[in-house]
């Protein structure tokens, strides 16, 4: 099926809806809980990115794959929460 949104939400976020549709999403619009419209992408047509957008997308994907060094070393979520909450070790609160 796809995504379902209210008429109010469609009006307030129309540009975002169009971007999602261009990306292949189907959107059903409801009024008072009843479906009144369905917007679907045009078959065979995909959004075309400019060369600048393609470059930016490639760089973003590369950064996401490699990670971004923030100078904090390696850590994981559990260690972070342990330090913050003082669950283990000398920083234990109680």
Protein backbone atom coordinates (compact mmCIF):
# COMPACT_ATOMS: atom_id res chain seq x y z
CA UNK A 1 0.00 0.00 0.00
CA UNK A 2 2.18 2.88 1.14
CA UNK A 3 1.91 5.82 3.46
CA UNK A 4 -1.41 7.29 4.66
CA UNK A 5 -1.67 10.94 5.73
CA UNK A 6 -4.46 13.37 6.49
CA UNK A 7 -5.50 16.14 4.13
CA UNK A 8 -4.22 18.69 6.64
CA UNK A 9 -0.80 17.02 6.78
CA UNK A 10 -0.67 16.83 2.98
CA UNK A 11 -1.39 20.57 2.74
CA UNK A 12 1.23 21.46 5.33
CA UNK A 13 3.97 19.19 3.95
CA UNK A 14 3.20 19.13 0.24
CA UNK A 15 6.81 19.59 -0.92
CA UNK A 16 7.99 16.73 1.28
CA UNK A 17 5.16 14.54 -0.02
CA UNK A 18 6.20 15.23 -3.61
CA UNK A 19 9.83 14.33 -2.82
CA UNK A 20 8.68 11.04 -1.27
CA UNK A 21 6.49 10.31 -4.29
CA UNK A 22 9.40 11.06 -6.62
CA UNK A 23 11.40 8.54 -4.61
CA UNK A 24 8.77 5.87 -5.31
CA UNK A 25 6.43 6.18 -2.30
CA UNK A 26 2.65 5.95 -2.75
CA UNK A 27 0.61 8.25 -0.50
CA UNK A 28 -3.07 7.90 0.41
CA UNK A 29 -4.77 11.07 1.63
CA UNK A 30 -7.68 10.86 4.06
CA UNK A 31 -10.40 13.29 5.11
CA UNK A 32 -12.07 12.53 8.44
CA UNK A 33 -10.52 9.06 8.36
CA UNK A 34 -11.84 8.13 4.90
CA UNK A 35 -9.45 7.75 1.93
CA UNK A 36 -10.16 10.43 -0.67
CA UNK A 37 -7.09 10.36 -2.92
CA UNK A 38 -3.99 8.35 -3.73
CA UNK A 39 -0.89 9.95 -5.20
CA UNK A 40 1.48 7.61 -7.00
CA UNK A 41 4.71 8.20 -8.90
CA UNK A 42 4.59 8.38 -12.67
CA UNK A 43 5.64 4.96 -13.95
CA UNK A 44 9.16 4.75 -15.31
CA UNK A 45 10.20 8.20 -14.13
CA UNK A 46 12.68 8.68 -11.31
CA UNK A 47 13.90 11.94 -9.85
CA UNK A 48 16.98 13.16 -11.67
CA UNK A 49 19.71 14.64 -9.53
CA UNK A 50 21.93 17.47 -10.68
CA UNK A 51 25.68 16.76 -10.88
CA UNK A 52 26.16 18.74 -7.66
CA UNK A 53 23.49 16.66 -5.90
CA UNK A 54 25.07 13.42 -7.18
CA UNK A 55 28.46 14.55 -5.84
CA UNK A 56 27.00 15.52 -2.46
CA UNK A 57 25.13 12.21 -2.24
CA UNK A 58 28.30 10.26 -3.02
CA UNK A 59 30.28 12.15 -0.38
CA UNK A 60 27.56 11.66 2.24
CA UNK A 61 27.39 7.92 1.57
CA UNK A 62 31.19 7.67 1.79
CA UNK A 63 31.22 9.50 5.15
CA UNK A 64 28.44 7.28 6.49
CA UNK A 65 30.30 4.13 5.50
CA UNK A 66 33.66 5.27 6.89
CA UNK A 67 32.34 7.09 9.94
CA UNK A 68 33.26 10.58 11.03
CA UNK A 69 36.26 10.96 13.32
CA UNK A 70 35.28 13.28 16.16
CA UNK A 71 38.45 12.62 18.14
CA UNK A 72 36.68 10.63 20.83
CA UNK A 73 38.13 7.23 20.01
CA UNK A 74 35.98 4.15 19.73
CA UNK A 75 33.02 3.70 22.06
CA UNK A 76 29.71 1.94 22.15
CA UNK A 77 26.30 2.81 23.52
CA UNK A 78 26.57 0.62 26.62
CA UNK A 79 29.88 2.18 27.66
CA UNK A 80 28.46 5.63 27.09
CA UNK A 81 25.45 4.98 29.33
CA UNK A 82 27.63 3.35 31.97
CA UNK A 83 29.78 6.49 32.11
CA UNK A 84 26.81 8.86 32.12
CA UNK A 85 24.74 6.98 34.68
CA UNK A 86 27.67 5.69 36.72
CA UNK A 87 26.27 2.18 36.67
CA UNK A 88 29.65 0.48 36.98
CA UNK A 89 33.01 1.50 38.30
CA UNK A 90 34.18 4.40 40.47
CA UNK A 91 31.60 6.90 39.17
CA UNK A 92 28.72 4.88 40.61
CA UNK A 93 25.96 7.07 42.04
CA UNK A 94 23.82 5.90 44.83
